[in-house]
Amino acid sequence: MDAEGRRKAMLERVRHAGSAEVGWLAEEFAVSRETVRRDLNVLEGHGLVRRKHGGVHPVARTGLEAASTFGTPCHTPEKSRIAAAAAELLGGARTVFIDEGFTPYLIAEALPHDRPLTVVTASLAVVGALATRRQTTVLLLGGQVRPGAMATADHRAVHMLSGFVIDLAYLGAHGISRTYGLTAHDLAAGEVKAQAIRVARRRVFAGVHTKFGASSFCRFGEVGDLETIVTGTGLPCAEAHRYHLMGPKVIQV
């Protein structure tokens, strides 16, 4: 059995049992504990399981189904680090916008469970990640669902968002460029992102180093609109400093 097949089988065992210990999984699959830990790290990075106290628990089915809409994301360890660092910027925010995309989904997963939050999102994956949390109120923006992204985006989503005042917006993008700012593939999605920038007091962009210097069709924001950029260490320090000179603080993890 190759690594991918083993991870799929491991996920099924964990889901069937409801939880599992590292030692038990090592015996079941005749591999070392270190191999099990690596496999569980991959599954956790995809939002499929949650590690706790030497064992593992499956993510609630709604979150699992939502996470599967992302396919097999690239740079998962980097995105997980970025998401954790972005979630730490929550501060005193009580109302939060979370964008569509895999990194924003991971941010949603990383938000604290033990305090009241209202989360506004167009992403069905984010809804799946947060719907069972007792102290989190989730508002899904209305509109037509875009099947490829599993997110709502049209004039109804923009209109609903225009009626809110958001403490903190976590934004993703196809690319971020010092020349073209923040850009998206899709016009409708870009309009939702632009509205989130308009209604949010604080704005954080979270994205892997490969997003930098890239651009796409729809421009929805400027680098100077952002309070903070959170990215990985793959972005050269000199380039990170150039973005910092445009206004936002740049955090690399």
Protein backbone atom coordinates (compact mmCIF):
# COMPACT_ATOMS: atom_id res chain seq x y z
CA MET A 1 0.00 0.00 0.00
CA ASP A 2 1.43 3.39 -0.98
CA ALA A 3 1.36 6.43 1.32
CA GLU A 4 -1.77 7.95 -0.22
CA GLY A 5 -3.68 4.67 0.02
CA ARG A 6 -2.58 4.18 3.61
CA ARG A 7 -3.75 7.68 4.56
CA LYS A 8 -7.16 7.10 2.98
CA ALA A 9 -7.50 3.79 4.82
CA MET A 10 -6.30 5.40 8.05
CA LEU A 11 -8.91 8.14 7.69
CA GLU A 12 -11.65 5.53 7.22
CA ARG A 13 -10.52 3.65 10.36
CA VAL A 14 -10.50 6.85 12.41
CA ARG A 15 -13.93 7.86 11.13
CA HIS A 16 -15.36 4.41 11.82
CA ALA A 17 -13.91 4.20 15.34
CA GLY A 18 -14.57 7.84 16.23
CA SER A 19 -11.01 8.23 17.54
CA ALA A 20 -7.71 6.36 17.48
CA GLU A 21 -4.34 6.31 19.20
CA VAL A 22 -1.05 6.53 17.33
CA GLY A 23 0.14 3.17 18.68
CA TRP A 24 -3.02 1.37 17.58
CA LEU A 25 -2.76 2.80 14.07
CA ALA A 26 0.91 1.79 13.89
CA GLU A 27 -0.04 -1.82 14.70
CA GLU A 28 -3.01 -1.81 12.32
CA PHE A 29 -0.93 -0.65 9.35
CA ALA A 30 2.37 -2.31 10.34
CA VAL A 31 4.31 0.94 10.20
CA SER A 32 6.28 2.96 12.71
CA ARG A 33 4.72 5.50 15.03
CA GLU A 34 6.70 8.22 13.24
CA THR A 35 5.11 7.19 9.92
CA VAL A 36 1.66 7.37 11.54
CA ARG A 37 2.43 10.84 12.90
CA ARG A 38 3.50 12.04 9.45
CA ASP A 39 0.33 10.62 7.90
CA LEU A 40 -1.83 12.25 10.56
CA ASN A 41 -0.06 15.57 10.01
CA VAL A 42 -1.00 15.39 6.32
CA LEU A 43 -4.62 14.51 7.11
CA GLU A 44 -4.81 17.29 9.70
CA GLY A 45 -3.35 19.74 7.20
CA HIS A 46 -6.21 18.89 4.84
CA GLY A 47 -8.73 19.56 7.61
CA LEU A 48 -9.82 15.89 7.81
CA VAL A 49 -8.76 15.01 11.36
CA ARG A 50 -7.77 16.80 14.54
CA ARG A 51 -4.81 15.69 16.69
CA LYS A 52 -5.25 15.59 20.47
CA HIS A 53 -3.34 14.01 23.39
CA GLY A 54 -1.48 11.29 21.47
CA GLY A 55 -4.48 10.39 19.38
CA VAL A 56 -6.69 11.67 16.63
CA HIS A 57 -10.35 12.46 16.09
CA PRO A 58 -12.18 12.88 12.77
CA VAL A 59 -13.43 16.33 11.84
CA ALA A 60 -17.24 16.53 11.86
CA ARG A 61 -18.72 15.18 8.64
CA THR A 62 -19.86 18.59 7.44
CA GLY A 63 -16.34 19.92 7.70
CA LEU A 64 -14.96 16.84 5.95
CA GLU A 65 -17.35 17.15 3.05
CA ALA A 66 -16.64 20.85 2.72
CA ALA A 67 -12.89 20.33 2.82
CA SER A 68 -13.12 17.82 -0.01
CA THR A 69 -14.22 20.61 -2.38
CA PHE A 70 -10.61 21.84 -2.41
CA GLY A 71 -9.28 18.66 -4.00
CA THR A 72 -5.65 18.14 -2.98
CA PRO A 73 -4.31 21.57 -2.02
CA CYS A 74 -0.65 22.46 -2.58
CA HIS A 75 1.70 23.85 0.09
CA THR A 76 -0.52 22.46 2.86
CA PRO A 77 2.05 22.68 5.72
CA GLU A 78 2.82 26.30 4.78
CA LYS A 79 -0.88 27.14 4.58
CA SER A 80 -1.47 25.57 8.00
CA ARG A 81 1.28 27.71 9.56
CA ILE A 82 -0.07 30.83 7.87
CA ALA A 83 -3.61 30.08 9.02
CA ALA A 84 -2.52 29.59 12.64
CA ALA A 85 -0.58 32.87 12.60
CA ALA A 86 -3.50 34.71 10.99
CA ALA A 87 -5.94 33.38 13.59
CA GLU A 88 -3.69 34.80 16.34
CA LEU A 89 -4.38 38.29 14.92
CA LEU A 90 -8.04 38.05 16.01
CA GLY A 91 -7.46 40.36 18.97
CA GLY A 92 -10.69 41.77 20.34
CA ALA A 93 -12.68 41.23 17.14
CA ARG A 94 -16.19 39.91 17.64
CA THR A 95 -17.38 40.00 14.02
CA VAL A 96 -15.20 38.38 11.36
CA PHE A 97 -15.43 37.96 7.59
CA ILE A 98 -13.74 34.81 6.26
CA ASP A 99 -13.13 34.56 2.53
CA GLU A 100 -13.51 31.48 0.34
CA GLY A 101 -10.50 29.25 -0.35
CA PHE A 102 -8.43 26.63 1.46
CA THR A 103 -6.26 28.96 3.55
CA PRO A 104 -9.30 30.92 4.85
CA TYR A 105 -10.93 27.56 5.63
CA LEU A 106 -7.89 26.66 7.74
CA ILE A 107 -8.14 30.04 9.47
CA ALA A 108 -11.74 29.24 10.37
CA GLU A 109 -10.59 25.92 11.84
CA ALA A 110 -7.90 27.72 13.87
CA LEU A 111 -10.20 30.32 15.45
CA PRO A 112 -10.80 29.88 19.19
CA HIS A 113 -13.74 27.82 20.41
CA ASP A 114 -14.04 29.45 23.82
CA ARG A 115 -15.28 32.96 23.00
CA PRO A 116 -18.33 34.42 21.25
CA LEU A 117 -17.76 35.19 17.57
CA THR A 118 -19.97 36.11 14.65
CA VAL A 119 -18.52 34.90 11.35
CA VAL A 120 -19.77 36.16 7.99
CA THR A 121 -18.76 34.15 4.94
CA ALA A 122 -19.68 33.18 1.39
CA SER A 123 -17.88 29.84 1.77
CA LEU A 124 -19.83 26.64 2.37
CA ALA A 125 -16.59 25.04 3.59
CA VAL A 126 -16.23 27.66 6.31
CA VAL A 127 -19.86 27.09 7.31
CA GLY A 128 -19.11 23.37 7.59
CA ALA A 129 -16.07 24.04 9.75
CA LEU A 130 -17.88 26.31 12.22
CA ALA A 131 -21.54 25.26 12.22
CA THR A 132 -21.29 22.99 15.27
CA ARG A 133 -19.48 25.49 17.50
CA ARG A 134 -21.76 26.64 20.29
CA GLN A 135 -20.22 30.10 20.76
CA THR A 136 -19.90 30.91 17.05
CA THR A 137 -22.74 32.47 15.07
CA VAL A 138 -22.30 31.85 11.34
CA LEU A 139 -23.97 34.04 8.70
CA LEU A 140 -23.85 32.68 5.15
CA LEU A 141 -24.10 35.37 2.48
CA GLY A 142 -26.98 34.78 0.09
CA GLY A 143 -26.77 34.33 -3.64
CA GLN A 144 -26.01 31.74 -6.28
CA VAL A 145 -23.58 28.98 -5.35
CA ARG A 146 -20.58 28.72 -7.67
CA PRO A 147 -20.08 24.92 -7.92
CA GLY A 148 -16.33 25.03 -8.57
CA ALA A 149 -15.69 27.09 -5.44
CA MET A 150 -18.67 25.98 -3.29
CA ALA A 151 -19.28 29.60 -2.36
CA THR A 152 -22.04 32.15 -2.94
CA ALA A 153 -21.27 35.17 -5.08
CA ASP A 154 -23.58 37.61 -6.85
CA HIS A 155 -25.28 40.96 -6.20
CA ARG A 156 -27.32 39.46 -3.34
CA ALA A 157 -24.18 38.43 -1.45
CA VAL A 158 -22.66 41.88 -1.99
CA HIS A 159 -25.86 43.64 -0.88
CA MET A 160 -26.15 41.55 2.29
CA LEU A 161 -22.51 42.20 3.16
CA SER A 162 -22.96 45.96 2.63
CA GLY A 163 -25.30 46.05 5.63
CA PHE A 164 -22.66 44.89 8.10
CA VAL A 165 -19.80 46.51 9.99
CA ILE A 166 -17.05 43.90 10.33
CA ASP A 167 -14.26 44.07 12.90
CA LEU A 168 -11.81 41.93 10.94
CA ALA A 169 -11.76 40.50 7.40
CA TYR A 170 -9.56 37.54 6.49
CA LEU A 171 -8.98 37.76 2.75
CA GLY A 172 -7.58 35.42 0.14
CA ALA A 173 -6.75 36.13 -3.50
CA HIS A 174 -5.50 34.51 -6.67
CA GLY A 175 -2.57 36.89 -6.49
CA ILE A 176 -1.13 39.91 -4.74
CA SER A 177 1.10 42.29 -6.67
CA ARG A 178 2.78 45.60 -5.89
CA THR A 179 1.62 46.76 -9.32
CA TYR A 180 -1.91 45.38 -9.55
CA GLY A 181 -2.86 44.88 -5.90
CA LEU A 182 -5.21 42.04 -4.93
CA THR A 183 -6.79 40.13 -7.80
CA ALA A 184 -9.25 37.27 -8.29
CA HIS A 185 -10.14 34.94 -11.16
CA ASP A 186 -13.87 35.51 -10.90
CA LEU A 187 -15.69 38.86 -11.18
CA ALA A 188 -18.52 37.89 -8.81
CA ALA A 189 -16.10 36.62 -6.16
CA GLY A 190 -14.02 39.75 -6.57
CA GLU A 191 -17.04 41.93 -5.87
CA VAL A 192 -17.67 40.09 -2.59
CA LYS A 193 -14.03 40.52 -1.59
CA ALA A 194 -14.10 44.23 -2.49
CA GLN A 195 -17.23 44.74 -0.38
CA ALA A 196 -15.57 42.95 2.55
CA ILE A 197 -12.68 45.43 2.31
CA ARG A 198 -15.13 48.35 2.35
CA VAL A 199 -17.04 47.21 5.46
CA ALA A 200 -14.14 45.88 7.57
CA ARG A 201 -12.24 47.91 10.13
CA ARG A 202 -9.19 45.64 9.86
CA ARG A 203 -8.10 43.59 6.86
CA VAL A 204 -5.66 40.67 6.82
CA PHE A 205 -4.43 38.92 3.69
CA ALA A 206 -3.22 35.35 4.23
CA GLY A 207 -1.54 33.49 1.39
CA VAL A 208 1.45 31.35 0.45
CA HIS A 209 4.58 32.85 -1.10
CA THR A 210 3.54 31.76 -4.61
CA LYS A 211 0.66 34.28 -4.53
CA PHE A 212 3.11 37.19 -4.60
CA GLY A 213 3.78 38.80 -7.94
CA ALA A 214 0.84 36.90 -9.47
CA SER A 215 -2.19 38.69 -10.90
CA SER A 216 -5.52 37.78 -12.44
CA PHE A 217 -8.50 39.33 -14.21
CA CYS A 218 -10.44 41.07 -11.43
CA ARG A 219 -8.77 43.68 -9.24
CA PHE A 220 -10.60 44.04 -5.92
CA GLY A 221 -8.20 45.80 -3.55
CA GLU A 222 -4.89 47.55 -2.99
CA VAL A 223 -1.94 46.42 -0.91
CA GLY A 224 -2.36 49.61 1.11
CA ASP A 225 -5.89 48.53 2.11
CA LEU A 226 -4.39 45.81 4.29
CA GLU A 227 -3.40 46.05 7.93
CA THR A 228 -1.37 42.83 7.83
CA ILE A 229 -0.05 40.30 5.33
CA VAL A 230 0.64 36.78 6.61
CA THR A 231 2.73 34.53 4.38
CA GLY A 232 5.50 31.95 4.42
CA THR A 233 9.25 32.28 4.56
CA GLY A 234 9.45 31.37 0.88
CA LEU A 235 8.85 35.04 0.09
CA PRO A 236 12.28 36.73 -0.04
CA CYS A 237 12.84 39.15 2.84
CA ALA A 238 13.64 42.01 0.46
CA GLU A 239 10.32 41.50 -1.33
CA ALA A 240 8.45 41.28 1.98
CA HIS A 241 10.02 44.61 2.95
CA ARG A 242 8.80 46.20 -0.32
CA TYR A 243 5.23 45.18 0.54
CA HIS A 244 5.68 46.52 4.08
CA LEU A 245 6.69 49.91 2.65
CA MET A 246 3.26 50.04 0.97
CA GLY A 247 1.51 50.06 4.35
CA PRO A 248 0.80 46.64 5.85
CA LYS A 249 2.80 44.78 8.44
CA VAL A 250 4.24 41.58 6.91
CA ILE A 251 4.44 38.43 9.05
CA GLN A 252 6.36 35.43 7.72
CA VAL A 253 5.99 31.98 9.31
